Amino acid sequence: MKKIIGGRAWFCALLLPSLLIAPALAAAELVSDKITRSRLLATGGASTIEGSAGGGIVPMAVLAGYGAQEEQGAVAFASYVDTGDYQLEVVGGSWSWRNRVELSIAQQKLTHESLTAALSLPTDSISQRIISAKLRVAGDLIYTPMPQISIGIQHKKNLDFLVPAAVGAKDDSGTDINLTATKLILGAVFDRNLLLNANLRYTNANQTGLVGFGGDKNDQRDVVAEISTGLLLNRHWLVGAEYRQKPNNLSFIKEDDWQTVFVGWFPNKRIALVAAYVDLGEVATFKDQTGWYLSLQGSF
């Protein structure tokens, strides 16, 4: 596996191991059934653009919905990103069982009219379908000294491979593997709860797979780091930021890391609304792709 790269992302690689340093797993098993059945508001997170529970661009170890140890949970969501030259629409849903397993599906559509006009392309959009599974393997977001740790897998299928193939992508499908640690530290900052989250992703996806997988520059999977943090102002409002490191597989186009600054509103356990400022850097020859992100999620 390729060594993690990136100037500002060095701390991403450090956070995950630090989160994993905790008392033995046996201590976590001492948590009572009564406590683990209680999932607090906002502890199911929102839905990422790839469908799994998390923030906007970075997954978390939490599972979708509010189903606890003897329950099920489900969510449906719709998200939209606009940077001026590109627009991304995502719809999807997920289901979780006993706060242990999560299954999700997401359908993405990237509209690139500016790129089509600049390069005289025969199409102005690319679609992708993502099917994911996540397993909580240890810990709890709140009730154990160690963080909640999950392993996830995301299988991605690019449905419009003409443009990705033309710029050097090798495959129209790929699979990401994620190792994620998430912890909510109660009363950490001025009596406010602090959320820390880090993810290691094993991937060869170009722009999350919307520009295919692998390339002429690099056709191997890389380990890349992702991080997010948030502060709960109260039980309904969360503010924070995300950083997502990206591989660089294609000679034709540079792929920059992504980052967001977001605010999440959780009025109740049925609704979650997330708005964000996004900075995607250079995307397929268009530089300075900044804009906004909005996501609405319903839990059942």
Foldseek 3Di string as FASTA:
>chain_A
DDDADDDVCPVLVVVVVVLQPWDDQVQQVPDDLVVQQDDAFCQQAAAELQWFHDYHPDHALWGHANGAQQGKKKKWKWKWWDLPQKIKIKTWMWMDGRRFKIKIKMKMKMFGVVVCVVVVDPDGIKIKIKIKMKGFDGDDQEDGRHFTKMKMKIKMAIPDQPQLVVQFADARIDMKIKIKTKHWAQLPPVRWIKIWMKMKIWAQADVNRSSHGAGPQGRHTDIYMKIKMWIDPDSFKIWIKIKTQDDAGTPQFGFGIKMWTKMWGRPDSFKIKMKIWIFRADDRNRGGRITMMIMIMGMD
